[in-house]
Amino acid sequence: MDGLKGLPDAIKAIFHDVNIQTCIVHQIRNSIKYVTSKDSIQFISDLKLIYKSVTKEATLVALKDLQNTWENKYQIVINP
């Protein structure tokens, strides 16, 4: 889903057990709007390491690195 109002309710009315998720592109855009322009290039670079990882292990390492680097400054993005 991409945040369209009413769409999740309409889908759940037909598919009761559906698991609604936000599109990864929308999640990334939503996260980046909270990062200052000064930090955005480095933050995006660190974020790319997560979603471009080839293995689960590499993804978890990149996620932990992102958390360690940015959690104190952008807690709302790292731990919404």
PDB file of N, CA and C in Angstrom:
ATOM      1  N   MET A   1       0.839  -1.179   0.000  1.00  0.00           N
ATOM      2  CA  MET A   1       0.000   0.000   0.000  1.00  0.00           C
ATOM      3  C   MET A   1       0.884   1.243   0.000  1.00  0.00           C
ATOM      4  N   ASP A   2       0.353   2.294  -0.489  1.00  0.00           N
ATOM      5  CA  ASP A   2       1.115   3.536  -0.528  1.00  0.00           C
ATOM      6  C   ASP A   2       0.440   4.680   0.220  1.00  0.00           C
ATOM      7  N   GLY A   3      -0.429   4.346   1.167  1.00  0.00           N
ATOM      8  CA  GLY A   3      -1.025   5.366   2.005  1.00  0.00           C
ATOM      9  C   GLY A   3      -2.351   5.909   1.503  1.00  0.00           C
ATOM     10  N   LEU A   4      -2.930   5.299   0.489  1.00  0.00           N
ATOM     11  CA  LEU A   4      -4.230   5.766   0.015  1.00  0.00           C
ATOM     12  C   LEU A   4      -5.289   5.505   1.073  1.00  0.00           C
ATOM     13  N   LYS A   5      -5.970   6.533   1.479  1.00  0.00           N
ATOM     14  CA  LYS A   5      -6.982   6.406   2.532  1.00  0.00           C
ATOM     15  C   LYS A   5      -8.133   5.528   2.049  1.00  0.00           C
ATOM     16  N   GLY A   6      -8.549   4.637   2.920  1.00  0.00           N
ATOM     17  CA  GLY A   6      -9.684   3.775   2.620  1.00  0.00           C
ATOM     18  C   GLY A   6      -9.341   2.487   1.904  1.00  0.00           C
ATOM     19  N   LEU A   7      -8.201   2.447   1.223  1.00  0.00           N
ATOM     20  CA  LEU A   7      -7.839   1.242   0.468  1.00  0.00           C
ATOM     21  C   LEU A   7      -7.606   0.036   1.372  1.00  0.00           C
ATOM     22  N   PRO A   8      -6.875   0.176   2.480  1.00  0.00           N
ATOM     23  CA  PRO A   8      -6.707  -0.988   3.363  1.00  0.00           C
ATOM     24  C   PRO A   8      -8.040  -1.542   3.873  1.00  0.00           C
ATOM     25  N   ASP A   9      -8.974  -0.663   4.225  1.00  0.00           N
ATOM     26  CA  ASP A   9     -10.283  -1.125   4.710  1.00  0.00           C
ATOM     27  C   ASP A   9     -11.058  -1.843   3.618  1.00  0.00           C
ATOM     28  N   ALA A  10     -10.980  -1.329   2.403  1.00  0.00           N
ATOM     29  CA  ALA A  10     -11.682  -1.955   1.280  1.00  0.00           C
ATOM     30  C   ALA A  10     -11.120  -3.345   0.997  1.00  0.00           C
ATOM     31  N   ILE A  11      -9.808  -3.476   1.048  1.00  0.00           N
ATOM     32  CA  ILE A  11      -9.186  -4.776   0.786  1.00  0.00           C
ATOM     33  C   ILE A  11      -9.497  -5.751   1.913  1.00  0.00           C
ATOM     34  N   LYS A  12      -9.438  -5.276   3.161  1.00  0.00           N
ATOM     35  CA  LYS A  12      -9.737  -6.149   4.299  1.00  0.00           C
ATOM     36  C   LYS A  12     -11.196  -6.595   4.316  1.00  0.00           C
ATOM     37  N   ALA A  13     -12.078  -5.820   3.724  1.00  0.00           N
ATOM     38  CA  ALA A  13     -13.486  -6.213   3.657  1.00  0.00           C
ATOM     39  C   ALA A  13     -13.660  -7.471   2.807  1.00  0.00           C
ATOM     40  N   ILE A  14     -12.790  -7.632   1.830  1.00  0.00           N
ATOM     41  CA  ILE A  14     -12.874  -8.803   0.948  1.00  0.00           C
ATOM     42  C   ILE A  14     -11.916  -9.902   1.400  1.00  0.00           C
ATOM     43  N   PHE A  15     -10.698  -9.522   1.726  1.00  0.00           N
ATOM     44  CA  PHE A  15      -9.670 -10.474   2.156  1.00  0.00           C
ATOM     45  C   PHE A  15      -9.395 -10.232   3.640  1.00  0.00           C
ATOM     46  N   HIS A  16     -10.123 -10.901   4.480  1.00  0.00           N
ATOM     47  CA  HIS A  16     -10.114 -10.643   5.926  1.00  0.00           C
ATOM     48  C   HIS A  16      -8.755 -10.857   6.595  1.00  0.00           C
ATOM     49  N   ASP A  17      -7.981 -11.805   6.130  1.00  0.00           N
ATOM     50  CA  ASP A  17      -6.708 -12.138   6.778  1.00  0.00           C
ATOM     51  C   ASP A  17      -5.502 -11.520   6.084  1.00  0.00           C
ATOM     52  N   VAL A  18      -5.724 -10.513   5.270  1.00  0.00           N
ATOM     53  CA  VAL A  18      -4.636  -9.911   4.506  1.00  0.00           C
ATOM     54  C   VAL A  18      -3.673  -9.165   5.439  1.00  0.00           C
ATOM     55  N   ASN A  19      -2.405  -9.190   5.074  1.00  0.00           N
ATOM     56  CA  ASN A  19      -1.370  -8.448   5.795  1.00  0.00           C
ATOM     57  C   ASN A  19      -0.999  -7.245   4.923  1.00  0.00           C
ATOM     58  N   ILE A  20      -1.382  -6.059   5.320  1.00  0.00           N
ATOM     59  CA  ILE A  20      -1.161  -4.839   4.538  1.00  0.00           C
ATOM     60  C   ILE A  20       0.224  -4.283   4.867  1.00  0.00           C
ATOM     61  N   GLN A  21       0.997  -4.004   3.818  1.00  0.00           N
ATOM     62  CA  GLN A  21       2.329  -3.444   3.996  1.00  0.00           C
ATOM     63  C   GLN A  21       2.483  -2.212   3.119  1.00  0.00           C
ATOM     64  N   THR A  22       3.322  -1.292   3.556  1.00  0.00           N
ATOM     65  CA  THR A  22       3.630  -0.123   2.754  1.00  0.00           C
ATOM     66  C   THR A  22       4.750  -0.480   1.784  1.00  0.00           C
ATOM     67  N   CYS A  23       4.651  -0.007   0.585  1.00  0.00           N
ATOM     68  CA  CYS A  23       5.659  -0.213  -0.445  1.00  0.00           C
ATOM     69  C   CYS A  23       7.018   0.281   0.064  1.00  0.00           C
ATOM     70  N   ILE A  24       8.084  -0.447  -0.240  1.00  0.00           N
ATOM     71  CA  ILE A  24       9.420  -0.083   0.240  1.00  0.00           C
ATOM     72  C   ILE A  24       9.843   1.291  -0.264  1.00  0.00           C
ATOM     73  N   VAL A  25       9.461   1.639  -1.473  1.00  0.00           N
ATOM     74  CA  VAL A  25       9.805   2.964  -2.005  1.00  0.00           C
ATOM     75  C   VAL A  25       9.149   4.053  -1.159  1.00  0.00           C
ATOM     76  N   HIS A  26       7.895   3.845  -0.794  1.00  0.00           N
ATOM     77  CA  HIS A  26       7.202   4.824   0.041  1.00  0.00           C
ATOM     78  C   HIS A  26       7.783   4.865   1.456  1.00  0.00           C
ATOM     79  N   GLN A  27       8.186   3.727   1.971  1.00  0.00           N
ATOM     80  CA  GLN A  27       8.809   3.706   3.300  1.00  0.00           C
ATOM     81  C   GLN A  27      10.114   4.488   3.290  1.00  0.00           C
ATOM     82  N   ILE A  28      10.903   4.313   2.242  1.00  0.00           N
ATOM     83  CA  ILE A  28      12.177   5.023   2.150  1.00  0.00           C
ATOM     84  C   ILE A  28      11.936   6.524   2.012  1.00  0.00           C
ATOM     85  N   ARG A  29      11.033   6.911   1.127  1.00  0.00           N
ATOM     86  CA  ARG A  29      10.712   8.337   0.973  1.00  0.00           C
ATOM     87  C   ARG A  29      10.226   8.941   2.284  1.00  0.00           C
ATOM     88  N   ASN A  30       9.395   8.203   2.984  1.00  0.00           N
ATOM     89  CA  ASN A  30       8.873   8.671   4.259  1.00  0.00           C
ATOM     90  C   ASN A  30       9.985   8.863   5.274  1.00  0.00           C
ATOM     91  N   SER A  31      10.946   7.962   5.298  1.00  0.00           N
ATOM     92  CA  SER A  31      12.058   8.042   6.243  1.00  0.00           C
ATOM     93  C   SER A  31      12.976   9.217   5.941  1.00  0.00           C
ATOM     94  N   ILE A  32      13.263   9.414   4.678  1.00  0.00           N
ATOM     95  CA  ILE A  32      14.235  10.430   4.275  1.00  0.00           C
ATOM     96  C   ILE A  32      13.741  11.840   4.575  1.00  0.00           C
ATOM     97  N   LYS A  33      12.435  12.046   4.601  1.00  0.00           N
ATOM     98  CA  LYS A  33      11.940  13.404   4.853  1.00  0.00           C
ATOM     99  C   LYS A  33      12.279  13.910   6.251  1.00  0.00           C
ATOM    100  N   TYR A  34      12.658  13.027   7.163  1.00  0.00           N
ATOM    101  CA  TYR A  34      13.031  13.431   8.517  1.00  0.00           C
ATOM    102  C   TYR A  34      14.533  13.670   8.673  1.00  0.00           C
ATOM    103  N   VAL A  35      15.305  13.380   7.632  1.00  0.00           N
ATOM    104  CA  VAL A  35      16.762  13.523   7.682  1.00  0.00           C
ATOM    105  C   VAL A  35      17.141  14.880   7.089  1.00  0.00           C
ATOM    106  N   THR A  36      18.004  15.603   7.778  1.00  0.00           N
ATOM    107  CA  THR A  36      18.417  16.916   7.278  1.00  0.00           C
ATOM    108  C   THR A  36      19.188  16.768   5.970  1.00  0.00           C
ATOM    109  N   SER A  37      19.160  17.810   5.182  1.00  0.00           N
ATOM    110  CA  SER A  37      19.857  17.770   3.887  1.00  0.00           C
ATOM    111  C   SER A  37      21.356  17.552   4.080  1.00  0.00           C
ATOM    112  N   LYS A  38      21.899  18.035   5.172  1.00  0.00           N
ATOM    113  CA  LYS A  38      23.331  17.862   5.467  1.00  0.00           C
ATOM    114  C   LYS A  38      23.696  16.381   5.612  1.00  0.00           C
ATOM    115  N   ASP A  39      22.778  15.586   6.176  1.00  0.00           N
ATOM    116  CA  ASP A  39      23.043  14.172   6.426  1.00  0.00           C
ATOM    117  C   ASP A  39      22.456  13.242   5.362  1.00  0.00           C
ATOM    118  N   SER A  40      21.654  13.772   4.463  1.00  0.00           N
ATOM    119  CA  SER A  40      20.883  12.900   3.577  1.00  0.00           C
ATOM    120  C   SER A  40      21.736  12.021   2.666  1.00  0.00           C
ATOM    121  N   ILE A  41      22.811  12.535   2.114  1.00  0.00           N
ATOM    122  CA  ILE A  41      23.627  11.727   1.202  1.00  0.00           C
ATOM    123  C   ILE A  41      24.226  10.528   1.931  1.00  0.00           C
ATOM    124  N   GLN A  42      24.798  10.753   3.106  1.00  0.00           N
ATOM    125  CA  GLN A  42      25.395   9.643   3.859  1.00  0.00           C
ATOM    126  C   GLN A  42      24.322   8.691   4.372  1.00  0.00           C
ATOM    127  N   PHE A  43      23.201   9.233   4.839  1.00  0.00           N
ATOM    128  CA  PHE A  43      22.116   8.379   5.335  1.00  0.00           C
ATOM    129  C   PHE A  43      21.592   7.479   4.218  1.00  0.00           C
ATOM    130  N   ILE A  44      21.348   8.041   3.054  1.00  0.00           N
ATOM    131  CA  ILE A  44      20.847   7.267   1.921  1.00  0.00           C
ATOM    132  C   ILE A  44      21.863   6.212   1.508  1.00  0.00           C
ATOM    133  N   SER A  45      23.120   6.561   1.525  1.00  0.00           N
ATOM    134  CA  SER A  45      24.177   5.594   1.198  1.00  0.00           C
ATOM    135  C   SER A  45      24.155   4.420   2.170  1.00  0.00           C
ATOM    136  N   ASP A  46      24.009   4.712   3.462  1.00  0.00           N
ATOM    137  CA  ASP A  46      23.931   3.650   4.471  1.00  0.00           C
ATOM    138  C   ASP A  46      22.654   2.827   4.307  1.00  0.00           C
ATOM    139  N   LEU A  47      21.574   3.484   3.957  1.00  0.00           N
ATOM    140  CA  LEU A  47      20.297   2.797   3.750  1.00  0.00           C
ATOM    141  C   LEU A  47      20.357   1.855   2.554  1.00  0.00           C
ATOM    142  N   LYS A  48      21.032   2.276   1.498  1.00  0.00           N
ATOM    143  CA  LYS A  48      21.160   1.437   0.302  1.00  0.00           C
ATOM    144  C   LYS A  48      21.867   0.122   0.610  1.00  0.00           C
ATOM    145  N   LEU A  49      22.789   0.154   1.548  1.00  0.00           N
ATOM    146  CA  LEU A  49      23.490  -1.077   1.911  1.00  0.00           C
ATOM    147  C   LEU A  49      22.529  -2.131   2.451  1.00  0.00           C
ATOM    148  N   ILE A  50      21.426  -1.680   3.033  1.00  0.00           N
ATOM    149  CA  ILE A  50      20.430  -2.619   3.561  1.00  0.00           C
ATOM    150  C   ILE A  50      19.642  -3.244   2.425  1.00  0.00           C
ATOM    151  N   TYR A  51      19.022  -2.416   1.596  1.00  0.00           N
ATOM    152  CA  TYR A  51      18.130  -2.996   0.591  1.00  0.00           C
ATOM    153  C   TYR A  51      18.837  -3.521  -0.646  1.00  0.00           C
ATOM    154  N   LYS A  52      20.131  -3.323  -0.744  1.00  0.00           N
ATOM    155  CA  LYS A  52      20.885  -3.925  -1.847  1.00  0.00           C
ATOM    156  C   LYS A  52      21.700  -5.136  -1.393  1.00  0.00           C
ATOM    157  N   SER A  53      21.556  -5.522  -0.148  1.00  0.00           N
ATOM    158  CA  SER A  53      22.278  -6.685   0.368  1.00  0.00           C
ATOM    159  C   SER A  53      21.824  -7.952  -0.341  1.00  0.00           C
ATOM    160  N   VAL A  54      22.766  -8.849  -0.516  1.00  0.00           N
ATOM    161  CA  VAL A  54      22.484 -10.095  -1.232  1.00  0.00           C
ATOM    162  C   VAL A  54      22.036 -11.199  -0.286  1.00  0.00           C
ATOM    163  N   THR A  55      22.530 -11.167   0.928  1.00  0.00           N
ATOM    164  CA  THR A  55      22.182 -12.218   1.887  1.00  0.00           C
ATOM    165  C   THR A  55      21.481 -11.624   3.103  1.00  0.00           C
ATOM    166  N   LYS A  56      20.801 -12.474   3.822  1.00  0.00           N
ATOM    167  CA  LYS A  56      20.126 -12.049   5.048  1.00  0.00           C
ATOM    168  C   LYS A  56      21.146 -11.547   6.063  1.00  0.00           C
ATOM    169  N   GLU A  57      22.259 -12.240   6.161  1.00  0.00           N
ATOM    170  CA  GLU A  57      23.300 -11.861   7.122  1.00  0.00           C
ATOM    171  C   GLU A  57      23.851 -10.467   6.812  1.00  0.00           C
ATOM    172  N   ALA A  58      24.108 -10.194   5.524  1.00  0.00           N
ATOM    173  CA  ALA A  58      24.623  -8.884   5.127  1.00  0.00           C
ATOM    174  C   ALA A  58      23.596  -7.790   5.405  1.00  0.00           C
ATOM    175  N   THR A  59      22.337  -8.119   5.202  1.00  0.00           N
ATOM    176  CA  THR A  59      21.264  -7.170   5.483  1.00  0.00           C
ATOM    177  C   THR A  59      21.222  -6.822   6.959  1.00  0.00           C
ATOM    178  N   LEU A  60      21.327  -7.827   7.809  1.00  0.00           N
ATOM    179  CA  LEU A  60      21.283  -7.591   9.252  1.00  0.00           C
ATOM    180  C   LEU A  60      22.477  -6.778   9.729  1.00  0.00           C
ATOM    181  N   VAL A  61      23.647  -7.017   9.154  1.00  0.00           N
ATOM    182  CA  VAL A  61      24.839  -6.240   9.503  1.00  0.00           C
ATOM    183  C   VAL A  61      24.655  -4.783   9.075  1.00  0.00           C
ATOM    184  N   ALA A  62      24.167  -4.573   7.850  1.00  0.00           N
ATOM    185  CA  ALA A  62      23.953  -3.209   7.350  1.00  0.00           C
ATOM    186  C   ALA A  62      22.900  -2.481   8.175  1.00  0.00           C
ATOM    187  N   LEU A  63      21.853  -3.195   8.587  1.00  0.00           N
ATOM    188  CA  LEU A  63      20.816  -2.597   9.428  1.00  0.00           C
ATOM    189  C   LEU A  63      21.379  -2.191  10.783  1.00  0.00           C
ATOM    190  N   LYS A  64      22.181  -3.057  11.370  1.00  0.00           N
ATOM    191  CA  LYS A  64      22.792  -2.752  12.674  1.00  0.00           C
ATOM    192  C   LYS A  64      23.735  -1.556  12.558  1.00  0.00           C
ATOM    193  N   ASP A  65      24.496  -1.502  11.463  1.00  0.00           N
ATOM    194  CA  ASP A  65      25.388  -0.361  11.244  1.00  0.00           C
ATOM    195  C   ASP A  65      24.598   0.942  11.102  1.00  0.00           C
ATOM    196  N   LEU A  66      23.480   0.893  10.370  1.00  0.00           N
ATOM    197  CA  LEU A  66      22.630   2.070  10.217  1.00  0.00           C
ATOM    198  C   LEU A  66      22.097   2.517  11.571  1.00  0.00           C
ATOM    199  N   GLN A  67      21.640   1.556  12.354  1.00  0.00           N
ATOM    200  CA  GLN A  67      21.136   1.882  13.695  1.00  0.00           C
ATOM    201  C   GLN A  67      22.220   2.512  14.549  1.00  0.00           C
ATOM    202  N   ASN A  68      23.396   1.920  14.555  1.00  0.00           N
ATOM    203  CA  ASN A  68      24.490   2.437  15.385  1.00  0.00           C
ATOM    204  C   ASN A  68      24.902   3.844  14.966  1.00  0.00           C
ATOM    205  N   THR A  69      24.870   4.102  13.672  1.00  0.00           N
ATOM    206  CA  THR A  69      25.313   5.397  13.160  1.00  0.00           C
ATOM    207  C   THR A  69      24.278   6.495  13.372  1.00  0.00           C
ATOM    208  N   TRP A  70      23.002   6.191  13.156  1.00  0.00           N
ATOM    209  CA  TRP A  70      21.983   7.233  13.072  1.00  0.00           C
ATOM    210  C   TRP A  70      20.921   7.219  14.158  1.00  0.00           C
ATOM    211  N   GLU A  71      20.853   6.207  14.970  1.00  0.00           N
ATOM    212  CA  GLU A  71      19.762   6.091  15.936  1.00  0.00           C
ATOM    213  C   GLU A  71      19.664   7.286  16.887  1.00  0.00           C
ATOM    214  N   ASN A  72      20.780   7.775  17.376  1.00  0.00           N
ATOM    215  CA  ASN A  72      20.743   8.893  18.320  1.00  0.00           C
ATOM    216  C   ASN A  72      20.229  10.180  17.668  1.00  0.00           C
ATOM    217  N   LYS A  73      20.565  10.380  16.408  1.00  0.00           N
ATOM    218  CA  LYS A  73      20.187  11.611  15.729  1.00  0.00           C
ATOM    219  C   LYS A  73      18.802  11.532  15.091  1.00  0.00           C
ATOM    220  N   TYR A  74      18.442  10.347  14.573  1.00  0.00           N
ATOM    221  CA  TYR A  74      17.173  10.175  13.852  1.00  0.00           C
ATOM    222  C   TYR A  74      16.398   8.992  14.382  1.00  0.00           C
ATOM    223  N   GLN A  75      16.136   9.020  15.652  1.00  0.00           N
ATOM    224  CA  GLN A  75      15.429   7.902  16.292  1.00  0.00           C
ATOM    225  C   GLN A  75      14.057   7.650  15.655  1.00  0.00           C
ATOM    226  N   ILE A  76      13.367   8.690  15.238  1.00  0.00           N
ATOM    227  CA  ILE A  76      12.044   8.530  14.635  1.00  0.00           C
ATOM    228  C   ILE A  76      12.113   7.735  13.326  1.00  0.00           C
ATOM    229  N   VAL A  77      13.234   7.812  12.642  1.00  0.00           N
ATOM    230  CA  VAL A  77      13.412   7.071  11.395  1.00  0.00           C
ATOM    231  C   VAL A  77      13.852   5.640  11.677  1.00  0.00           C
ATOM    232  N   ILE A  78      14.741   5.469  12.620  1.00  0.00           N
ATOM    233  CA  ILE A  78      15.308   4.157  12.911  1.00  0.00           C
ATOM    234  C   ILE A  78      14.337   3.300  13.717  1.00  0.00           C
ATOM    235  N   ASN A  79      13.672   3.885  14.688  1.00  0.00           N
ATOM    236  CA  ASN A  79      12.729   3.151  15.553  1.00  0.00           C
ATOM    237  C   ASN A  79      11.388   3.873  15.567  1.00  0.00           C
ATOM    238  N   PRO A  80      10.607   3.763  14.462  1.00  0.00           N
ATOM    239  CA  PRO A  80       9.347   4.519  14.404  1.00  0.00           C
ATOM    240  C   PRO A  80       8.325   4.037  15.417  1.00  0.00           C
TER     241      PRO A  80
END
